């Protein structure tokens, strides 16, 4: 019983990246770095399933700018991503859109 409880606590919290994208080579930002976007699905011990959008220079998304998304909107994934020099626009299958300005994720954020 104790080992089951230990494994449960060690396993949680956990996250999984359910969507990945990267800025095309034709879009160059002021920090001259490639940038990546991911939809991260969290699993918490109390049973919550938060979604966050991560954008940054690190392809593993470990160092990034976070944007929280409502679970009912994000659970269906991302429909499209449009990278521009001014930022990145994300469209969800529900019709919701989010625009994250480039200054929010440039220079290591």
N, C-alpha and C. Protein backbone atom coordinates (compact mmCIF):
# COMPACT_ATOMS: atom_id res chain seq x y z
N UNK A 1 0.82 -1.19 0.00
CA UNK A 1 0.00 0.00 0.00
C UNK A 1 0.86 1.26 0.00
N UNK A 2 1.91 1.24 0.83
CA UNK A 2 2.80 2.39 0.90
C UNK A 2 3.51 2.61 -0.44
N UNK A 3 3.91 1.54 -1.10
CA UNK A 3 4.60 1.68 -2.39
C UNK A 3 3.66 2.24 -3.45
N UNK A 4 2.38 1.87 -3.41
CA UNK A 4 1.41 2.42 -4.35
C UNK A 4 1.24 3.92 -4.14
N UNK A 5 1.15 4.33 -2.89
CA UNK A 5 1.02 5.75 -2.57
C UNK A 5 2.27 6.50 -3.01
N UNK A 6 3.43 5.93 -2.77
CA UNK A 6 4.69 6.57 -3.16
C UNK A 6 4.75 6.74 -4.68
N UNK A 7 4.42 5.69 -5.43
CA UNK A 7 4.46 5.77 -6.89
C UNK A 7 3.45 6.78 -7.43
N UNK A 8 2.30 6.87 -6.80
CA UNK A 8 1.30 7.83 -7.22
C UNK A 8 1.81 9.26 -7.05
N UNK A 9 2.40 9.54 -5.92
CA UNK A 9 2.92 10.89 -5.66
C UNK A 9 4.09 11.21 -6.58
N UNK A 10 4.95 10.24 -6.84
CA UNK A 10 6.10 10.46 -7.73
C UNK A 10 5.63 10.70 -9.16
N UNK A 11 4.59 9.99 -9.58
CA UNK A 11 4.10 10.11 -10.95
C UNK A 11 3.43 11.45 -11.19
N UNK A 12 2.78 12.01 -10.16
CA UNK A 12 2.11 13.30 -10.28
C UNK A 12 2.93 14.37 -9.63
N UNK A 13 2.86 15.60 -9.97
CA UNK A 13 2.18 16.05 -11.18
C UNK A 13 3.00 15.69 -12.41
N UNK A 14 2.36 15.56 -13.51
CA UNK A 14 3.07 15.30 -14.76
C UNK A 14 2.44 16.15 -15.86
N UNK A 15 3.20 16.32 -16.92
CA UNK A 15 2.70 17.09 -18.05
C UNK A 15 3.02 16.34 -19.33
N UNK A 16 2.25 16.64 -20.36
CA UNK A 16 2.52 16.10 -21.68
C UNK A 16 2.29 17.22 -22.70
N UNK A 17 3.14 17.27 -23.70
CA UNK A 17 3.00 18.25 -24.76
C UNK A 17 2.10 17.61 -25.82
N UNK A 18 0.93 18.20 -26.02
CA UNK A 18 -0.05 17.62 -26.95
C UNK A 18 0.00 18.26 -28.34
N UNK A 19 0.76 19.35 -28.48
CA UNK A 19 0.90 20.02 -29.78
C UNK A 19 2.22 20.76 -29.77
N UNK A 20 2.93 20.71 -30.91
CA UNK A 20 4.19 21.45 -31.07
C UNK A 20 4.21 22.16 -32.41
N UNK A 21 4.87 23.31 -32.42
CA UNK A 21 5.06 24.05 -33.66
C UNK A 21 6.33 24.89 -33.50
N UNK A 22 6.88 25.32 -34.61
CA UNK A 22 8.05 26.20 -34.55
C UNK A 22 7.90 27.30 -35.60
N UNK A 23 8.51 28.42 -35.30
CA UNK A 23 8.45 29.55 -36.24
C UNK A 23 9.20 29.17 -37.52
N UNK A 24 8.65 29.52 -38.66
CA UNK A 24 9.36 29.23 -39.91
C UNK A 24 10.64 30.05 -40.02
N UNK A 25 11.58 29.56 -40.79
CA UNK A 25 12.87 30.25 -40.96
C UNK A 25 12.70 31.64 -41.57
N UNK A 26 11.59 31.87 -42.23
CA UNK A 26 11.35 33.17 -42.86
C UNK A 26 10.95 34.25 -41.85
N UNK A 27 10.58 33.83 -40.64
CA UNK A 27 10.22 34.79 -39.58
C UNK A 27 11.42 34.91 -38.65
N UNK A 28 12.05 36.09 -38.67
CA UNK A 28 13.25 36.31 -37.86
C UNK A 28 12.92 37.35 -36.78
N UNK A 29 13.19 36.96 -35.53
CA UNK A 29 12.91 37.85 -34.41
C UNK A 29 14.17 38.60 -34.00
N UNK A 30 13.99 39.64 -33.18
CA UNK A 30 15.09 40.52 -32.78
C UNK A 30 16.21 39.79 -32.04
N UNK A 31 15.91 38.66 -31.41
CA UNK A 31 16.96 37.94 -30.68
C UNK A 31 17.66 36.89 -31.55
N UNK A 32 17.33 36.84 -32.85
CA UNK A 32 17.97 35.94 -33.82
C UNK A 32 17.96 34.47 -33.39
N UNK A 33 16.93 34.05 -32.70
CA UNK A 33 16.81 32.67 -32.24
C UNK A 33 15.58 32.01 -32.85
N UNK A 34 15.63 30.70 -33.06
CA UNK A 34 14.40 30.00 -33.45
C UNK A 34 13.46 29.96 -32.24
N UNK A 35 12.17 29.92 -32.49
CA UNK A 35 11.19 29.90 -31.40
C UNK A 35 10.21 28.75 -31.58
N UNK A 36 9.71 28.26 -30.46
CA UNK A 36 8.87 27.07 -30.45
C UNK A 36 7.61 27.34 -29.62
N UNK A 37 6.55 26.65 -29.99
CA UNK A 37 5.28 26.77 -29.28
C UNK A 37 4.79 25.36 -28.97
N UNK A 38 4.23 25.19 -27.79
CA UNK A 38 3.65 23.90 -27.43
C UNK A 38 2.41 24.08 -26.59
N UNK A 39 1.48 23.14 -26.74
CA UNK A 39 0.31 23.08 -25.86
C UNK A 39 0.61 22.01 -24.83
N UNK A 40 0.66 22.41 -23.57
CA UNK A 40 1.07 21.51 -22.49
C UNK A 40 -0.15 21.18 -21.63
N UNK A 41 -0.42 19.89 -21.51
CA UNK A 41 -1.55 19.39 -20.72
C UNK A 41 -1.01 18.90 -19.39
N UNK A 42 -1.47 19.47 -18.30
CA UNK A 42 -1.03 19.07 -16.98
C UNK A 42 -1.98 18.07 -16.34
N UNK A 43 -1.43 17.23 -15.48
CA UNK A 43 -2.22 16.27 -14.70
C UNK A 43 -1.81 16.46 -13.25
N UNK A 44 -2.73 16.93 -12.41
CA UNK A 44 -2.40 17.20 -11.02
C UNK A 44 -2.97 16.12 -10.11
N UNK A 45 -2.39 16.00 -8.94
CA UNK A 45 -2.84 15.00 -7.97
C UNK A 45 -4.31 15.16 -7.59
N UNK A 46 -4.83 16.40 -7.43
CA UNK A 46 -6.26 16.55 -7.12
C UNK A 46 -7.18 16.23 -8.30
N UNK A 47 -6.61 15.94 -9.47
CA UNK A 47 -7.43 15.57 -10.62
C UNK A 47 -7.72 16.69 -11.59
N UNK A 48 -7.09 17.83 -11.43
CA UNK A 48 -7.28 18.92 -12.39
C UNK A 48 -6.45 18.65 -13.65
N UNK A 49 -6.89 19.21 -14.76
CA UNK A 49 -6.20 19.02 -16.03
C UNK A 49 -5.98 20.36 -16.72
N UNK A 50 -5.09 21.20 -16.17
CA UNK A 50 -4.88 22.52 -16.78
C UNK A 50 -4.13 22.42 -18.11
N UNK A 51 -4.37 23.39 -18.96
CA UNK A 51 -3.65 23.52 -20.23
C UNK A 51 -2.91 24.85 -20.23
N UNK A 52 -1.69 24.82 -20.74
CA UNK A 52 -0.91 26.04 -20.88
C UNK A 52 -0.27 26.03 -22.26
N UNK A 53 -0.16 27.21 -22.83
CA UNK A 53 0.56 27.35 -24.07
C UNK A 53 1.95 27.88 -23.71
N UNK A 54 2.97 27.22 -24.21
CA UNK A 54 4.34 27.59 -23.92
C UNK A 54 5.00 28.09 -25.20
N UNK A 55 5.69 29.23 -25.12
CA UNK A 55 6.38 29.79 -26.28
C UNK A 55 7.75 30.26 -25.83
N UNK A 56 8.79 29.86 -26.57
CA UNK A 56 10.13 30.29 -26.21
C UNK A 56 11.19 29.75 -27.15
N UNK A 57 12.46 30.00 -26.79
CA UNK A 57 13.60 29.57 -27.61
C UNK A 57 14.01 28.13 -27.38
N UNK A 58 13.62 27.57 -26.26
CA UNK A 58 14.04 26.22 -25.90
C UNK A 58 13.09 25.19 -26.53
N UNK A 59 13.61 24.31 -27.41
CA UNK A 59 12.73 23.33 -28.05
C UNK A 59 12.07 22.36 -27.06
N UNK A 60 12.65 22.19 -25.88
CA UNK A 60 12.03 21.31 -24.88
C UNK A 60 10.93 22.04 -24.11
N UNK A 61 10.80 23.33 -24.34
CA UNK A 61 9.79 24.18 -23.70
C UNK A 61 9.98 24.31 -22.20
N UNK A 62 11.19 24.02 -21.71
CA UNK A 62 11.43 24.11 -20.27
C UNK A 62 11.64 25.55 -19.81
N UNK A 63 12.09 26.43 -20.70
CA UNK A 63 12.26 27.85 -20.36
C UNK A 63 11.44 28.62 -21.38
N UNK A 64 10.34 29.24 -20.95
CA UNK A 64 9.38 29.77 -21.91
C UNK A 64 8.47 30.80 -21.27
N UNK A 65 7.64 31.40 -22.13
CA UNK A 65 6.55 32.27 -21.71
C UNK A 65 5.30 31.39 -21.63
N UNK A 66 4.60 31.43 -20.50
CA UNK A 66 3.38 30.64 -20.31
C UNK A 66 2.14 31.48 -20.55
N UNK A 67 1.12 30.87 -21.16
CA UNK A 67 -0.20 31.47 -21.26
C UNK A 67 -1.20 30.39 -20.86
N UNK A 68 -1.98 30.63 -19.81
CA UNK A 68 -3.00 29.66 -19.39
C UNK A 68 -4.17 29.66 -20.37
N UNK A 69 -4.70 28.46 -20.63
CA UNK A 69 -5.87 28.33 -21.50
C UNK A 69 -6.95 27.58 -20.74
N UNK A 70 -8.20 27.95 -20.97
CA UNK A 70 -9.32 27.27 -20.35
C UNK A 70 -9.36 25.82 -20.83
N UNK A 71 -9.57 24.90 -19.92
CA UNK A 71 -9.57 23.48 -20.24
C UNK A 71 -10.62 23.12 -21.29
N UNK A 72 -11.80 23.71 -21.20
CA UNK A 72 -12.86 23.37 -22.16
C UNK A 72 -12.53 23.84 -23.57
N UNK A 73 -11.68 24.84 -23.69
CA UNK A 73 -11.28 25.36 -24.99
C UNK A 73 -10.06 24.61 -25.52
N UNK A 74 -9.09 24.35 -24.67
CA UNK A 74 -7.83 23.77 -25.10
C UNK A 74 -7.85 22.26 -25.26
N UNK A 75 -8.82 21.57 -24.68
CA UNK A 75 -8.85 20.11 -24.73
C UNK A 75 -8.93 19.57 -26.15
N UNK A 76 -9.43 20.37 -27.08
CA UNK A 76 -9.53 19.93 -28.48
C UNK A 76 -8.30 20.25 -29.30
N UNK A 77 -7.26 20.78 -28.66
CA UNK A 77 -6.01 21.04 -29.37
C UNK A 77 -5.97 22.40 -30.04
N UNK A 78 -5.03 22.53 -30.96
CA UNK A 78 -4.81 23.77 -31.70
C UNK A 78 -5.10 23.51 -33.18
N UNK A 79 -5.85 24.41 -33.79
CA UNK A 79 -6.20 24.27 -35.20
C UNK A 79 -5.11 24.81 -36.11
N UNK A 80 -4.59 26.00 -35.77
CA UNK A 80 -3.54 26.58 -36.62
C UNK A 80 -2.70 27.57 -35.82
N UNK A 81 -1.49 27.78 -36.30
CA UNK A 81 -0.56 28.74 -35.69
C UNK A 81 0.02 29.59 -36.82
N UNK A 82 0.00 30.90 -36.63
CA UNK A 82 0.56 31.82 -37.61
C UNK A 82 1.62 32.67 -36.92
N UNK A 83 2.86 32.50 -37.37
CA UNK A 83 3.99 33.26 -36.83
C UNK A 83 4.22 34.49 -37.70
N UNK A 84 4.33 35.66 -37.06
CA UNK A 84 4.70 36.88 -37.77
C UNK A 84 5.78 37.57 -36.95
N UNK A 85 6.41 38.58 -37.51
CA UNK A 85 7.45 39.30 -36.78
C UNK A 85 6.89 40.02 -35.55
N UNK A 86 5.59 40.31 -35.56
CA UNK A 86 4.99 41.00 -34.40
C UNK A 86 4.54 40.03 -33.31
N UNK A 87 4.46 38.72 -33.61
CA UNK A 87 4.06 37.75 -32.61
C UNK A 87 3.52 36.48 -33.22
N UNK A 88 2.78 35.73 -32.44
CA UNK A 88 2.22 34.46 -32.91
C UNK A 88 0.72 34.42 -32.59
N UNK A 89 -0.07 34.04 -33.60
CA UNK A 89 -1.52 33.93 -33.45
C UNK A 89 -1.88 32.45 -33.46
N UNK A 90 -2.65 32.05 -32.46
CA UNK A 90 -3.05 30.65 -32.30
C UNK A 90 -4.57 30.58 -32.42
N UNK A 91 -5.03 29.71 -33.30
CA UNK A 91 -6.47 29.51 -33.49
C UNK A 91 -6.83 28.11 -32.98
N UNK A 92 -7.88 28.06 -32.16
CA UNK A 92 -8.35 26.80 -31.59
C UNK A 92 -9.58 26.32 -32.37
N UNK A 93 -9.86 25.02 -32.37
CA UNK A 93 -11.01 24.50 -33.11
C UNK A 93 -12.35 25.11 -32.69
N UNK A 94 -12.43 25.66 -31.49
CA UNK A 94 -13.66 26.29 -31.01
C UNK A 94 -13.90 27.65 -31.65
N UNK A 95 -12.91 28.16 -32.40
CA UNK A 95 -13.02 29.49 -32.99
C UNK A 95 -12.30 30.55 -32.17
N UNK A 96 -11.89 30.22 -30.95
CA UNK A 96 -11.13 31.16 -30.12
C UNK A 96 -9.76 31.39 -30.75
N UNK A 97 -9.27 32.61 -30.58
CA UNK A 97 -7.92 32.95 -31.04
C UNK A 97 -7.17 33.65 -29.92
N UNK A 98 -5.87 33.43 -29.90
CA UNK A 98 -5.00 34.12 -28.95
C UNK A 98 -3.83 34.69 -29.74
N UNK A 99 -3.47 35.93 -29.43
CA UNK A 99 -2.29 36.54 -30.03
C UNK A 99 -1.31 36.86 -28.92
N UNK A 100 -0.09 36.35 -29.06
CA UNK A 100 0.95 36.61 -28.08
C UNK A 100 2.00 37.48 -28.76
N UNK A 101 2.16 38.72 -28.31
CA UNK A 101 3.13 39.61 -28.94
C UNK A 101 4.56 39.08 -28.77
N UNK A 102 5.39 39.33 -29.76
CA UNK A 102 6.76 38.81 -29.75
C UNK A 102 7.53 39.25 -28.51
N UNK A 103 7.33 40.46 -28.04
CA UNK A 103 8.11 40.93 -26.88
C UNK A 103 7.85 40.07 -25.64
N UNK A 104 6.75 39.31 -25.62
CA UNK A 104 6.45 38.44 -24.47
C UNK A 104 7.32 37.19 -24.45
N UNK A 105 7.86 36.78 -25.61
CA UNK A 105 8.65 35.55 -25.64
C UNK A 105 10.06 35.69 -26.19
N UNK A 106 10.48 36.91 -26.47
CA UNK A 106 11.84 37.11 -26.98
C UNK A 106 12.87 37.20 -25.85
N UNK A 107 14.12 36.99 -26.22
CA UNK A 107 15.27 37.15 -25.32
C UNK A 107 15.21 36.22 -24.11
N UNK A 108 14.80 34.98 -24.34
CA UNK A 108 14.88 33.98 -23.28
C UNK A 108 13.67 33.85 -22.41
N UNK A 109 12.61 34.56 -22.68
CA UNK A 109 11.40 34.41 -21.85
C UNK A 109 10.64 33.19 -22.25
